[in-house]
C-alpha atoms as a PDB file:
ATOM      1  CA  UNK A   1     119.940 102.093  75.522  1.00  0.00           C
ATOM      2  CA  UNK A   2     122.116 104.792  77.102  1.00  0.00           C
ATOM      3  CA  UNK A   3     120.446 107.644  78.950  1.00  0.00           C
ATOM      4  CA  UNK A   4     121.248 111.323  78.640  1.00  0.00           C
ATOM      5  CA  UNK A   5     123.384 112.528  81.569  1.00  0.00           C
ATOM      6  CA  UNK A   6     120.630 113.996  83.751  1.00  0.00           C
ATOM      7  CA  UNK A   7     118.494 110.876  83.470  1.00  0.00           C
ATOM      8  CA  UNK A   8     121.544 108.721  84.183  1.00  0.00           C
ATOM      9  CA  UNK A   9     122.161 110.775  87.313  1.00  0.00           C
ATOM     10  CA  UNK A  10     118.537 110.208  88.377  1.00  0.00           C
ATOM     11  CA  UNK A  11     118.885 106.487  87.750  1.00  0.00           C
ATOM     12  CA  UNK A  12     122.149 106.203  89.664  1.00  0.00           C
ATOM     13  CA  UNK A  13     120.815 108.121  92.646  1.00  0.00           C
ATOM     14  CA  UNK A  14     117.373 106.537  92.933  1.00  0.00           C
ATOM     15  CA  UNK A  15     118.362 102.929  92.404  1.00  0.00           C
ATOM     16  CA  UNK A  16     121.134 103.031  95.005  1.00  0.00           C
ATOM     17  CA  UNK A  17     120.129 101.587  98.398  1.00  0.00           C
ATOM     18  CA  UNK A  18     120.389 104.031 101.277  1.00  0.00           C
ATOM     19  CA  UNK A  19     118.223 103.509 104.343  1.00  0.00           C
ATOM     20  CA  UNK A  20     118.812 105.888 107.280  1.00  0.00           C
ATOM     21  CA  UNK A  21     122.199 105.307 108.854  1.00  0.00           C
ATOM     22  CA  UNK A  22     123.360 103.279 105.830  1.00  0.00           C
ATOM     23  CA  UNK A  23     123.738 105.959 103.161  1.00  0.00           C
ATOM     24  CA  UNK A  24     127.269 105.166 101.978  1.00  0.00           C
ATOM     25  CA  UNK A  25     126.238 103.839  98.552  1.00  0.00           C
ATOM     26  CA  UNK A  26     124.227 106.957  97.765  1.00  0.00           C
ATOM     27  CA  UNK A  27     126.919 109.216  99.195  1.00  0.00           C
ATOM     28  CA  UNK A  28     129.506 107.682  96.867  1.00  0.00           C
ATOM     29  CA  UNK A  29     127.244 108.275  93.869  1.00  0.00           C
ATOM     30  CA  UNK A  30     126.505 111.867  94.839  1.00  0.00           C
ATOM     31  CA  UNK A  31     130.221 112.449  95.375  1.00  0.00           C
ATOM     32  CA  UNK A  32     130.965 111.146  91.863  1.00  0.00           C
ATOM     33  CA  UNK A  33     128.418 113.444  90.253  1.00  0.00           C
ATOM     34  CA  UNK A  34     129.144 116.614  92.257  1.00  0.00           C
ATOM     35  CA  UNK A  35     132.947 116.412  92.473  1.00  0.00           C
ATOM     36  CA  UNK A  36     133.656 117.910  88.997  1.00  0.00           C
ATOM     37  CA  UNK A  37     131.836 121.117  89.977  1.00  0.00           C
ATOM     38  CA  UNK A  38     133.303 121.535  93.480  1.00  0.00           C
ATOM     39  CA  UNK A  39     136.425 123.089  94.920  1.00  0.00           C
ATOM     40  CA  UNK A  40     136.327 120.777  97.926  1.00  0.00           C
ATOM     41  CA  UNK A  41     134.267 117.750  98.990  1.00  0.00           C
ATOM     42  CA  UNK A  42     134.232 116.340 102.512  1.00  0.00           C
ATOM     43  CA  UNK A  43     131.994 114.680 105.126  1.00  0.00           C
ATOM     44  CA  UNK A  44     130.816 115.372 108.629  1.00  0.00           C
ATOM     45  CA  UNK A  45     131.442 112.684 111.224  1.00  0.00           C
ATOM     46  CA  UNK A  46     128.153 110.810 110.704  1.00  0.00           C
ATOM     47  CA  UNK A  47     128.361 110.734 106.933  1.00  0.00           C
ATOM     48  CA  UNK A  48     126.672 113.792 105.418  1.00  0.00           C
ATOM     49  CA  UNK A  49     128.395 114.916 102.212  1.00  0.00           C
ATOM     50  CA  UNK A  50     129.436 118.556 101.775  1.00  0.00           C
ATOM     51  CA  UNK A  51     130.565 119.927  98.401  1.00  0.00           C
ATOM     52  CA  UNK A  52     131.930 123.481  98.451  1.00  0.00           C
ATOM     53  CA  UNK A  53     132.041 125.808  95.438  1.00  0.00           C
ATOM     54  CA  UNK A  54     133.654 129.201  95.905  1.00  0.00           C
ATOM     55  CA  UNK A  55     132.405 132.241  94.031  1.00  0.00           C
ATOM     56  CA  UNK A  56     133.585 134.888  96.499  1.00  0.00           C
ATOM     57  CA  UNK A  57     135.463 133.393  99.433  1.00  0.00           C
ATOM     58  CA  UNK A  58     134.631 136.473 101.515  1.00  0.00           C
ATOM     59  CA  UNK A  59     130.949 136.282 100.666  1.00  0.00           C
ATOM     60  CA  UNK A  60     128.041 134.678 102.518  1.00  0.00           C
ATOM     61  CA  UNK A  61     127.718 130.895 102.819  1.00  0.00           C
ATOM     62  CA  UNK A  62     124.668 129.448 101.073  1.00  0.00           C
ATOM     63  CA  UNK A  63     123.696 125.844 101.838  1.00  0.00           C
ATOM     64  CA  UNK A  64     121.539 123.803  99.445  1.00  0.00           C
ATOM     65  CA  UNK A  65     120.726 120.420 100.991  1.00  0.00           C
ATOM     66  CA  UNK A  66     118.908 117.279  99.953  1.00  0.00           C
ATOM     67  CA  UNK A  67     118.922 114.160 102.086  1.00  0.00           C
ATOM     68  CA  UNK A  68     120.639 110.962 101.017  1.00  0.00           C
ATOM     69  CA  UNK A  69     118.478 108.508 102.939  1.00  0.00           C
ATOM     70  CA  UNK A  70     115.213 106.872 101.932  1.00  0.00           C
ATOM     71  CA  UNK A  71     112.581 105.178 104.050  1.00  0.00           C
ATOM     72  CA  UNK A  72     113.350 101.503 104.587  1.00  0.00           C
ATOM     73  CA  UNK A  73     113.569  98.796 107.218  1.00  0.00           C
ATOM     74  CA  UNK A  74     116.094  97.226 109.570  1.00  0.00           C
ATOM     75  CA  UNK A  75     116.210  93.500 110.366  1.00  0.00           C
ATOM     76  CA  UNK A  76     115.675  92.907 114.084  1.00  0.00           C
ATOM     77  CA  UNK A  77     115.783  89.107 114.179  1.00  0.00           C
ATOM     78  CA  UNK A  78     115.441  85.921 112.142  1.00  0.00           C
ATOM     79  CA  UNK A  79     112.728  83.398 113.031  1.00  0.00           C
ATOM     80  CA  UNK A  80     113.459  79.680 113.409  1.00  0.00           C
ATOM     81  CA  UNK A  81     111.752  79.195 110.026  1.00  0.00           C
ATOM     82  CA  UNK A  82     114.009  81.708 108.260  1.00  0.00           C
ATOM     83  CA  UNK A  83     111.651  84.671 108.019  1.00  0.00           C
ATOM     84  CA  UNK A  84     112.944  88.169 108.805  1.00  0.00           C
ATOM     85  CA  UNK A  85     111.293  90.439 111.346  1.00  0.00           C
ATOM     86  CA  UNK A  86     111.992  94.134 110.955  1.00  0.00           C
ATOM     87  CA  UNK A  87     111.788  97.652 112.322  1.00  0.00           C
ATOM     88  CA  UNK A  88     110.624 100.451 110.031  1.00  0.00           C
ATOM     89  CA  UNK A  89     113.051 103.290 109.318  1.00  0.00           C
ATOM     90  CA  UNK A  90     110.995 106.366 108.525  1.00  0.00           C
ATOM     91  CA  UNK A  91     107.268 106.750 108.115  1.00  0.00           C
ATOM     92  CA  UNK A  92     105.511 103.778 106.533  1.00  0.00           C
ATOM     93  CA  UNK A  93     101.758 103.287 106.069  1.00  0.00           C
ATOM     94  CA  UNK A  94     100.753  99.640 106.401  1.00  0.00           C
ATOM     95  CA  UNK A  95      98.523  99.628 103.317  1.00  0.00           C
ATOM     96  CA  UNK A  96     101.463 100.239 100.941  1.00  0.00           C
ATOM     97  CA  UNK A  97     103.720  97.553 102.410  1.00  0.00           C
ATOM     98  CA  UNK A  98     102.252  94.066 102.014  1.00  0.00           C
ATOM     99  CA  UNK A  99     103.357  91.844  99.109  1.00  0.00           C
ATOM    100  CA  UNK A 100     105.940  94.389  97.959  1.00  0.00           C
ATOM    101  CA  UNK A 101     109.394  93.331  96.765  1.00  0.00           C
ATOM    102  CA  UNK A 102     112.394  94.435  98.817  1.00  0.00           C
ATOM    103  CA  UNK A 103     116.168  94.166  98.765  1.00  0.00           C
ATOM    104  CA  UNK A 104     118.027  93.079 101.908  1.00  0.00           C
ATOM    105  CA  UNK A 105     121.573  94.430 102.158  1.00  0.00           C
ATOM    106  CA  UNK A 106     123.631  91.678 103.771  1.00  0.00           C
ATOM    107  CA  UNK A 107     127.313  91.118 104.489  1.00  0.00           C
ATOM    108  CA  UNK A 108     127.402  88.956 101.345  1.00  0.00           C
ATOM    109  CA  UNK A 109     125.503  91.274  99.031  1.00  0.00           C
ATOM    110  CA  UNK A 110     121.898  92.104  98.226  1.00  0.00           C
ATOM    111  CA  UNK A 111     119.146  89.483  98.585  1.00  0.00           C
ATOM    112  CA  UNK A 112     115.694  89.939  97.113  1.00  0.00           C
ATOM    113  CA  UNK A 113     112.635  89.180  99.175  1.00  0.00           C
ATOM    114  CA  UNK A 114     108.988  90.071  99.638  1.00  0.00           C
ATOM    115  CA  UNK A 115     106.959  91.353 102.550  1.00  0.00           C
ATOM    116  CA  UNK A 116     104.725  88.376 103.227  1.00  0.00           C
ATOM    117  CA  UNK A 117     100.946  88.488 103.252  1.00  0.00           C
ATOM    118  CA  UNK A 118      98.066  86.098 103.765  1.00  0.00           C
ATOM    119  CA  UNK A 119      95.893  85.381 100.706  1.00  0.00           C
ATOM    120  CA  UNK A 120      92.368  86.818 101.036  1.00  0.00           C
ATOM    121  CA  UNK A 121      90.882  83.318 100.691  1.00  0.00           C
ATOM    122  CA  UNK A 122      91.733  82.481 104.308  1.00  0.00           C
ATOM    123  CA  UNK A 123      90.849  85.836 105.845  1.00  0.00           C
ATOM    124  CA  UNK A 124      87.544  86.551 107.521  1.00  0.00           C
ATOM    125  CA  UNK A 125      85.360  89.281 106.035  1.00  0.00           C
ATOM    126  CA  UNK A 126      86.207  91.486 108.999  1.00  0.00           C
ATOM    127  CA  UNK A 127      89.968  90.878 108.696  1.00  0.00           C
ATOM    128  CA  UNK A 128      89.930  91.892 105.036  1.00  0.00           C
ATOM    129  CA  UNK A 129      88.747  95.373 106.030  1.00  0.00           C
ATOM    130  CA  UNK A 130      91.618  96.013 108.419  1.00  0.00           C
ATOM    131  CA  UNK A 131      95.210  96.968 107.723  1.00  0.00           C
ATOM    132  CA  UNK A 132      97.788  94.502 108.995  1.00  0.00           C
ATOM    133  CA  UNK A 133      99.896  95.984 111.777  1.00  0.00           C
ATOM    134  CA  UNK A 134     103.568  96.518 110.862  1.00  0.00           C
ATOM    135  CA  UNK A 135     104.589  94.534 113.918  1.00  0.00           C
ATOM    136  CA  UNK A 136     102.965  91.432 112.443  1.00  0.00           C
ATOM    137  CA  UNK A 137     104.752  91.644 109.087  1.00  0.00           C
ATOM    138  CA  UNK A 138     107.809  89.703 107.987  1.00  0.00           C
ATOM    139  CA  UNK A 139     110.120  89.425 104.987  1.00  0.00           C
ATOM    140  CA  UNK A 140     110.405  86.169 103.044  1.00  0.00           C
ATOM    141  CA  UNK A 141     113.811  85.658 101.377  1.00  0.00           C
ATOM    142  CA  UNK A 142     113.243  82.008 100.510  1.00  0.00           C
ATOM    143  CA  UNK A 143     115.218  80.664 103.478  1.00  0.00           C
ATOM    144  CA  UNK A 144     113.923  77.526 105.184  1.00  0.00           C
ATOM    145  CA  UNK A 145     115.578  78.092 108.560  1.00  0.00           C
ATOM    146  CA  UNK A 146     117.474  80.634 110.650  1.00  0.00           C
ATOM    147  CA  UNK A 147     120.680  78.792 109.863  1.00  0.00           C
ATOM    148  CA  UNK A 148     120.101  79.007 106.125  1.00  0.00           C
ATOM    149  CA  UNK A 149     119.267  82.715 106.317  1.00  0.00           C
ATOM    150  CA  UNK A 150     122.508  83.248 108.226  1.00  0.00           C
ATOM    151  CA  UNK A 151     124.461  81.431 105.530  1.00  0.00           C
ATOM    152  CA  UNK A 152     122.950  83.953 103.064  1.00  0.00           C
ATOM    153  CA  UNK A 153     124.720  86.633 105.104  1.00  0.00           C
ATOM    154  CA  UNK A 154     121.661  88.034 106.920  1.00  0.00           C
ATOM    155  CA  UNK A 155     122.285  89.574 110.330  1.00  0.00           C
ATOM    156  CA  UNK A 156     120.275  91.726 112.726  1.00  0.00           C
ATOM    157  CA  UNK A 157     120.949  95.350 111.839  1.00  0.00           C
ATOM    158  CA  UNK A 158     120.967  94.736 108.087  1.00  0.00           C
ATOM    159  CA  UNK A 159     118.871  97.270 106.210  1.00  0.00           C
ATOM    160  CA  UNK A 160     116.161  96.738 103.624  1.00  0.00           C
ATOM    161  CA  UNK A 161     114.966  99.029 100.825  1.00  0.00           C
ATOM    162  CA  UNK A 162     112.142  98.847  98.253  1.00  0.00           C
ATOM    163  CA  UNK A 163     112.725  97.562  94.741  1.00  0.00           C
ATOM    164  CA  UNK A 164     111.625  99.857  91.906  1.00  0.00           C
ATOM    165  CA  UNK A 165     113.804 100.503  88.831  1.00  0.00           C
ATOM    166  CA  UNK A 166     114.082 104.082  87.605  1.00  0.00           C
ATOM    167  CA  UNK A 167     111.523 104.447  84.820  1.00  0.00           C
ATOM    168  CA  UNK A 168     110.930 107.150  82.220  1.00  0.00           C
ATOM    169  CA  UNK A 169     107.197 106.857  81.669  1.00  0.00           C
ATOM    170  CA  UNK A 170     105.315 107.031  78.378  1.00  0.00           C
ATOM    171  CA  UNK A 171     105.020 110.768  78.944  1.00  0.00           C
ATOM    172  CA  UNK A 172     108.790 111.374  79.195  1.00  0.00           C
ATOM    173  CA  UNK A 173     108.332 114.305  81.562  1.00  0.00           C
ATOM    174  CA  UNK A 174     106.955 111.857  84.143  1.00  0.00           C
ATOM    175  CA  UNK A 175     109.633 109.922  86.026  1.00  0.00           C
ATOM    176  CA  UNK A 176     108.971 106.987  88.355  1.00  0.00           C
ATOM    177  CA  UNK A 177     111.409 105.600  90.926  1.00  0.00           C
ATOM    178  CA  UNK A 178     111.857 104.581  94.504  1.00  0.00           C
ATOM    179  CA  UNK A 179     113.621 107.048  96.796  1.00  0.00           C
ATOM    180  CA  UNK A 180     112.646 110.249  95.011  1.00  0.00           C
ATOM    181  CA  UNK A 181     112.338 111.217  98.668  1.00  0.00           C
ATOM    182  CA  UNK A 182     114.902 112.575  98.603  1.00  0.00           C
ATOM    183  CA  UNK A 183     117.316 111.783  95.804  1.00  0.00           C
ATOM    184  CA  UNK A 184     115.636 114.575  93.817  1.00  0.00           C
ATOM    185  CA  UNK A 185     116.988 117.036  96.403  1.00  0.00           C
ATOM    186  CA  UNK A 186     120.467 115.563  96.004  1.00  0.00           C
ATOM    187  CA  UNK A 187     120.129 115.830  92.212  1.00  0.00           C
ATOM    188  CA  UNK A 188     119.114 119.481  92.511  1.00  0.00           C
ATOM    189  CA  UNK A 189     122.136 120.245  94.713  1.00  0.00           C
ATOM    190  CA  UNK A 190     124.387 118.592  92.114  1.00  0.00           C
ATOM    191  CA  UNK A 191     122.784 120.418  89.207  1.00  0.00           C
ATOM    192  CA  UNK A 192     122.942 123.808  90.962  1.00  0.00           C
ATOM    193  CA  UNK A 193     126.710 123.480  91.368  1.00  0.00           C
ATOM    194  CA  UNK A 194     126.981 122.291  87.767  1.00  0.00           C
ATOM    195  CA  UNK A 195     125.086 125.335  86.449  1.00  0.00           C
ATOM    196  CA  UNK A 196     127.282 127.627  88.555  1.00  0.00           C
ATOM    197  CA  UNK A 197     130.527 126.063  87.323  1.00  0.00           C
ATOM    198  CA  UNK A 198     131.337 128.863  84.888  1.00  0.00           C
ATOM    199  CA  UNK A 199     129.155 131.528  86.516  1.00  0.00           C
ATOM    200  CA  UNK A 200     130.233 134.249  88.886  1.00  0.00           C
ATOM    201  CA  UNK A 201     128.413 134.334  92.207  1.00  0.00           C
ATOM    202  CA  UNK A 202     129.063 136.559  95.231  1.00  0.00           C
ATOM    203  CA  UNK A 203     129.179 133.786  97.831  1.00  0.00           C
ATOM    204  CA  UNK A 204     130.286 130.291  98.729  1.00  0.00           C
ATOM    205  CA  UNK A 205     127.782 127.577  97.836  1.00  0.00           C
ATOM    206  CA  UNK A 206     127.577 124.278  99.688  1.00  0.00           C
ATOM    207  CA  UNK A 207     125.766 121.400  97.979  1.00  0.00           C
ATOM    208  CA  UNK A 208     124.964 118.957 100.772  1.00  0.00           C
ATOM    209  CA  UNK A 209     123.617 115.413 100.988  1.00  0.00           C
ATOM    210  CA  UNK A 210     122.460 114.868 104.565  1.00  0.00           C
ATOM    211  CA  UNK A 211     122.014 111.558 106.378  1.00  0.00           C
ATOM    212  CA  UNK A 212     119.206 110.258 108.584  1.00  0.00           C
ATOM    213  CA  UNK A 213     116.584 112.859 107.654  1.00  0.00           C
ATOM    214  CA  UNK A 214     113.796 110.288 107.781  1.00  0.00           C
ATOM    215  CA  UNK A 215     114.515 109.465 111.421  1.00  0.00           C
ATOM    216  CA  UNK A 216     114.849 112.969 112.848  1.00  0.00           C
ATOM    217  CA  UNK A 217     116.697 115.421 110.550  1.00  0.00           C
ATOM    218  CA  UNK A 218     119.952 114.315 112.150  1.00  0.00           C
ATOM    219  CA  UNK A 219     122.454 114.904 109.355  1.00  0.00           C
ATOM    220  CA  UNK A 220     121.016 118.373 108.742  1.00  0.00           C
ATOM    221  CA  UNK A 221     122.010 119.330 112.263  1.00  0.00           C
ATOM    222  CA  UNK A 222     125.591 118.072 112.007  1.00  0.00           C
ATOM    223  CA  UNK A 223     126.285 119.237 108.450  1.00  0.00           C
ATOM    224  CA  UNK A 224     124.895 122.719 109.143  1.00  0.00           C
ATOM    225  CA  UNK A 225     127.140 122.867 112.201  1.00  0.00           C
ATOM    226  CA  UNK A 226     130.106 122.103 109.919  1.00  0.00           C
ATOM    227  CA  UNK A 227     129.127 124.591 107.200  1.00  0.00           C
ATOM    228  CA  UNK A 228     127.788 127.400 109.436  1.00  0.00           C
ATOM    229  CA  UNK A 229     125.651 128.823 106.601  1.00  0.00           C
ATOM    230  CA  UNK A 230     124.292 132.360 106.404  1.00  0.00           C
ATOM    231  CA  UNK A 231     121.353 131.231 104.231  1.00  0.00           C
ATOM    232  CA  UNK A 232     120.005 127.690 103.917  1.00  0.00           C
ATOM    233  CA  UNK A 233     117.666 125.883 101.533  1.00  0.00           C
ATOM    234  CA  UNK A 234     116.332 122.391 102.131  1.00  0.00           C
ATOM    235  CA  UNK A 235     115.241 120.814  98.861  1.00  0.00           C
ATOM    236  CA  UNK A 236     112.871 117.879  99.323  1.00  0.00           C
ATOM    237  CA  UNK A 237     109.800 116.260  97.854  1.00  0.00           C
ATOM    238  CA  UNK A 238     106.399 117.743  98.536  1.00  0.00           C
ATOM    239  CA  UNK A 239     102.921 116.321  98.354  1.00  0.00           C
ATOM    240  CA  UNK A 240     101.207 116.378  94.959  1.00  0.00           C
ATOM    241  CA  UNK A 241      97.546 117.285  95.243  1.00  0.00           C
ATOM    242  CA  UNK A 242      96.556 116.271  91.718  1.00  0.00           C
ATOM    243  CA  UNK A 243      95.457 112.654  92.204  1.00  0.00           C
ATOM    244  CA  UNK A 244      91.909 111.342  92.737  1.00  0.00           C
ATOM    245  CA  UNK A 245      90.710 111.547  96.316  1.00  0.00           C
ATOM    246  CA  UNK A 246      93.011 114.372  97.429  1.00  0.00           C
ATOM    247  CA  UNK A 247      91.004 117.426  98.441  1.00  0.00           C
ATOM    248  CA  UNK A 248      92.237 120.857  97.302  1.00  0.00           C
ATOM    249  CA  UNK A 249      92.804 122.011 100.878  1.00  0.00           C
ATOM    250  CA  UNK A 250      94.815 118.869 101.752  1.00  0.00           C
ATOM    251  CA  UNK A 251      97.611 119.461  99.229  1.00  0.00           C
ATOM    252  CA  UNK A 252      97.849 122.617  97.147  1.00  0.00           C
ATOM    253  CA  UNK A 253     100.551 121.761  94.625  1.00  0.00           C
ATOM    254  CA  UNK A 254     100.264 120.156  91.216  1.00  0.00           C
ATOM    255  CA  UNK A 255     103.014 118.365  89.320  1.00  0.00           C
ATOM    256  CA  UNK A 256     104.651 120.355  86.536  1.00  0.00           C
ATOM    257  CA  UNK A 257     103.582 123.748  87.901  1.00  0.00           C
ATOM    258  CA  UNK A 258     106.896 124.685  89.482  1.00  0.00           C
ATOM    259  CA  UNK A 259     108.700 124.104  92.779  1.00  0.00           C
ATOM    260  CA  UNK A 260     106.826 124.532  96.042  1.00  0.00           C
ATOM    261  CA  UNK A 261     107.826 127.248  98.498  1.00  0.00           C
ATOM    262  CA  UNK A 262     106.816 125.971 101.921  1.00  0.00           C
ATOM    263  CA  UNK A 263     105.357 128.717 104.066  1.00  0.00           C
ATOM    264  CA  UNK A 264     104.936 126.343 107.018  1.00  0.00           C
ATOM    265  CA  UNK A 265     105.682 122.808 108.113  1.00  0.00           C
ATOM    266  CA  UNK A 266     105.798 121.029 111.455  1.00  0.00           C
ATOM    267  CA  UNK A 267     109.527 121.689 111.848  1.00  0.00           C
ATOM    268  CA  UNK A 268     109.816 125.321 110.710  1.00  0.00           C
ATOM    269  CA  UNK A 269     108.053 128.492 109.708  1.00  0.00           C
ATOM    270  CA  UNK A 270     109.649 129.575 106.456  1.00  0.00           C
ATOM    271  CA  UNK A 271     111.700 132.778 106.886  1.00  0.00           C
ATOM    272  CA  UNK A 272     109.441 135.528 105.553  1.00  0.00           C
ATOM    273  CA  UNK A 273     112.058 137.903 104.147  1.00  0.00           C
ATOM    274  CA  UNK A 274     113.983 135.066 102.487  1.00  0.00           C
ATOM    275  CA  UNK A 275     110.750 133.738 100.996  1.00  0.00           C
ATOM    276  CA  UNK A 276     109.809 137.188  99.691  1.00  0.00           C
ATOM    277  CA  UNK A 277     113.265 137.528  98.137  1.00  0.00           C
ATOM    278  CA  UNK A 278     112.939 134.133  96.415  1.00  0.00           C
ATOM    279  CA  UNK A 279     109.452 135.034  95.156  1.00  0.00           C
ATOM    280  CA  UNK A 280     110.748 138.306  93.691  1.00  0.00           C
ATOM    281  CA  UNK A 281     113.572 136.479  91.905  1.00  0.00           C
ATOM    282  CA  UNK A 282     111.131 133.899  90.528  1.00  0.00           C
ATOM    283  CA  UNK A 283     108.787 136.586  89.225  1.00  0.00           C
ATOM    284  CA  UNK A 284     111.619 138.631  87.692  1.00  0.00           C
ATOM    285  CA  UNK A 285     112.817 135.549  85.792  1.00  0.00           C
ATOM    286  CA  UNK A 286     109.383 134.121  84.893  1.00  0.00           C
ATOM    287  CA  UNK A 287     110.097 130.929  86.840  1.00  0.00           C
ATOM    288  CA  UNK A 288     106.873 129.202  87.918  1.00  0.00           C
ATOM    289  CA  UNK A 289     106.430 128.319  91.588  1.00  0.00           C
ATOM    290  CA  UNK A 290     103.716 127.289  94.020  1.00  0.00           C
ATOM    291  CA  UNK A 291     103.028 128.027  97.665  1.00  0.00           C
ATOM    292  CA  UNK A 292     102.365 125.117  99.968  1.00  0.00           C
ATOM    293  CA  UNK A 293     102.307 124.067 103.600  1.00  0.00           C
ATOM    294  CA  UNK A 294     102.723 120.663 105.282  1.00  0.00           C
ATOM    295  CA  UNK A 295     101.235 120.653 108.794  1.00  0.00           C
ATOM    296  CA  UNK A 296     102.154 117.017 109.438  1.00  0.00           C
ATOM    297  CA  UNK A 297     105.779 116.773 108.323  1.00  0.00           C
ATOM    298  CA  UNK A 298     109.113 118.559 108.229  1.00  0.00           C
ATOM    299  CA  UNK A 299     112.329 118.957 106.252  1.00  0.00           C
ATOM    300  CA  UNK A 300     116.022 119.388 106.973  1.00  0.00           C
ATOM    301  CA  UNK A 301     115.382 123.127 107.198  1.00  0.00           C
ATOM    302  CA  UNK A 302     113.846 122.397 110.591  1.00  0.00           C
ATOM    303  CA  UNK A 303     117.340 121.761 111.971  1.00  0.00           C
ATOM    304  CA  UNK A 304     119.332 123.985 109.638  1.00  0.00           C
ATOM    305  CA  UNK A 305     117.552 127.171 110.708  1.00  0.00           C
ATOM    306  CA  UNK A 306     118.500 126.559 114.351  1.00  0.00           C
ATOM    307  CA  UNK A 307     122.254 126.438 113.687  1.00  0.00           C
ATOM    308  CA  UNK A 308     124.443 128.873 115.609  1.00  0.00           C
ATOM    309  CA  UNK A 309     122.610 132.150 116.117  1.00  0.00           C
ATOM    310  CA  UNK A 310     119.943 131.102 113.626  1.00  0.00           C
ATOM    311  CA  UNK A 311     119.930 130.813 109.831  1.00  0.00           C
ATOM    312  CA  UNK A 312     117.252 132.279 107.528  1.00  0.00           C
ATOM    313  CA  UNK A 313     115.992 129.119 105.819  1.00  0.00           C
ATOM    314  CA  UNK A 314     113.408 128.012 103.303  1.00  0.00           C
ATOM    315  CA  UNK A 315     112.169 124.582 102.300  1.00  0.00           C
ATOM    316  CA  UNK A 316     111.642 124.089  98.561  1.00  0.00           C
ATOM    317  CA  UNK A 317     109.599 121.079  97.482  1.00  0.00           C
ATOM    318  CA  UNK A 318     109.085 119.068  94.311  1.00  0.00           C
ATOM    319  CA  UNK A 319     105.473 117.906  94.079  1.00  0.00           C
ATOM    320  CA  UNK A 320     105.636 114.107  94.079  1.00  0.00           C
ATOM    321  CA  UNK A 321     102.965 111.430  93.961  1.00  0.00           C
ATOM    322  CA  UNK A 322     102.973 108.367  96.243  1.00  0.00           C
ATOM    323  CA  UNK A 323     105.804 109.424  98.551  1.00  0.00           C
ATOM    324  CA  UNK A 324     106.705 107.016 101.361  1.00  0.00           C
ATOM    325  CA  UNK A 325     105.847 103.998  99.254  1.00  0.00           C
ATOM    326  CA  UNK A 326     107.729 101.717  96.864  1.00  0.00           C
ATOM    327  CA  UNK A 327     107.210 103.850  93.750  1.00  0.00           C
ATOM    328  CA  UNK A 328     106.833 107.614  93.377  1.00  0.00           C
ATOM    329  CA  UNK A 329     106.308 109.870  90.362  1.00  0.00           C
ATOM    330  CA  UNK A 330     107.455 113.438  89.734  1.00  0.00           C
ATOM    331  CA  UNK A 331     107.661 115.841  86.798  1.00  0.00           C
ATOM    332  CA  UNK A 332     110.981 116.756  85.208  1.00  0.00           C
ATOM    333  CA  UNK A 333     109.952 120.385  84.635  1.00  0.00           C
ATOM    334  CA  UNK A 334     109.752 120.888  88.391  1.00  0.00           C
ATOM    335  CA  UNK A 335     113.357 119.732  88.733  1.00  0.00           C
ATOM    336  CA  UNK A 336     114.481 122.118  86.000  1.00  0.00           C
ATOM    337  CA  UNK A 337     112.591 125.072  87.447  1.00  0.00           C
ATOM    338  CA  UNK A 338     113.821 124.408  90.989  1.00  0.00           C
ATOM    339  CA  UNK A 339     117.402 124.436  89.688  1.00  0.00           C
ATOM    340  CA  UNK A 340     116.797 127.592  87.642  1.00  0.00           C
ATOM    341  CA  UNK A 341     115.298 129.344  90.653  1.00  0.00           C
ATOM    342  CA  UNK A 342     118.087 128.408  93.049  1.00  0.00           C
ATOM    343  CA  UNK A 343     120.782 129.427  90.564  1.00  0.00           C
ATOM    344  CA  UNK A 344     119.213 132.853  90.039  1.00  0.00           C
ATOM    345  CA  UNK A 345     118.717 133.305  93.787  1.00  0.00           C
ATOM    346  CA  UNK A 346     122.322 132.363  94.568  1.00  0.00           C
ATOM    347  CA  UNK A 347     123.661 134.803  91.976  1.00  0.00           C
ATOM    348  CA  UNK A 348     121.947 137.625  93.873  1.00  0.00           C
ATOM    349  CA  UNK A 349     122.816 136.608  97.444  1.00  0.00           C
ATOM    350  CA  UNK A 350     125.655 139.002  98.123  1.00  0.00           C
ATOM    351  CA  UNK A 351     126.679 140.229 101.551  1.00  0.00           C
ATOM    352  CA  UNK A 352     124.413 143.278 101.484  1.00  0.00           C
ATOM    353  CA  UNK A 353     121.381 141.274 100.381  1.00  0.00           C
ATOM    354  CA  UNK A 354     121.920 138.701 103.118  1.00  0.00           C
ATOM    355  CA  UNK A 355     122.158 141.489 105.705  1.00  0.00           C
ATOM    356  CA  UNK A 356     118.852 142.911 104.463  1.00  0.00           C
ATOM    357  CA  UNK A 357     117.212 139.468 104.684  1.00  0.00           C
ATOM    358  CA  UNK A 358     118.453 138.972 108.250  1.00  0.00           C
ATOM    359  CA  UNK A 359     117.187 142.467 109.118  1.00  0.00           C
END
């Protein structure tokens, strides 16, 4: 059954493999979707995608960035018995890793495997209570020796990503996939340029897909250096606080209640005057939003706001369940409202307004 265009875009983006440093597959897909709405599309030298749409070529530069990469793994070596040892790429919690299916991207194509685990029958009562250390884990691809694994095309440096098909759930507003972190940000950047295609706006808009966010916000630094924005928005996933066991003060946002405006994270304090401007636009247009903070994480805005002489920046999040695991869930309304908000904000960001925000 064919999907409507937005869902097809979600499927294309989320199912593509793109561990940090190996984002080319996702970049090609984002390029395909954003190109029809851009005046120019190019890359920085480490692979971040930049799509430029001109409203007023003498106006301010507004950057809207999602990151292309997803958390994954990198093969470090092959054992004599054909098992694959690996290094994590991005933040993984051991309890969501064991016995999960993965795809190994080799020189000869993708190979499916599983992160091996011992059955509980042979574990001591004490061992069952403890999480297995990542350093002790391995990937089983069905090879019986190092030589056989090598004939499959496996080499050290190959990357590995989770397997989880894009799924529209029984409630069609609920969408499950791997890599929502942060293909939803890439989708929002695409959709913002699409909505602006036949709209006037007093600025230049740059829809950006950055690389290597999960390992240090690296592509945000290089792409912002290329763009030299006057205003920047990082669009990423946020933590959903609406599942059992999450305390209200641990995560404020709920799915379906609008995009999150991050007042603080470990990489940046959200620019107050820019945030106030965005809030005013949201309230004028009856667009729902939520405040949130993430003391233990950061977004691409953490690097973007330090570009040049400094860039007023704001991180906008989409409340998402089960991030940094094999399967995550988000709400389509939050995507739509994030796009609506950014479009209305961009239409008002003229030169005078930007000067007032900078102060």
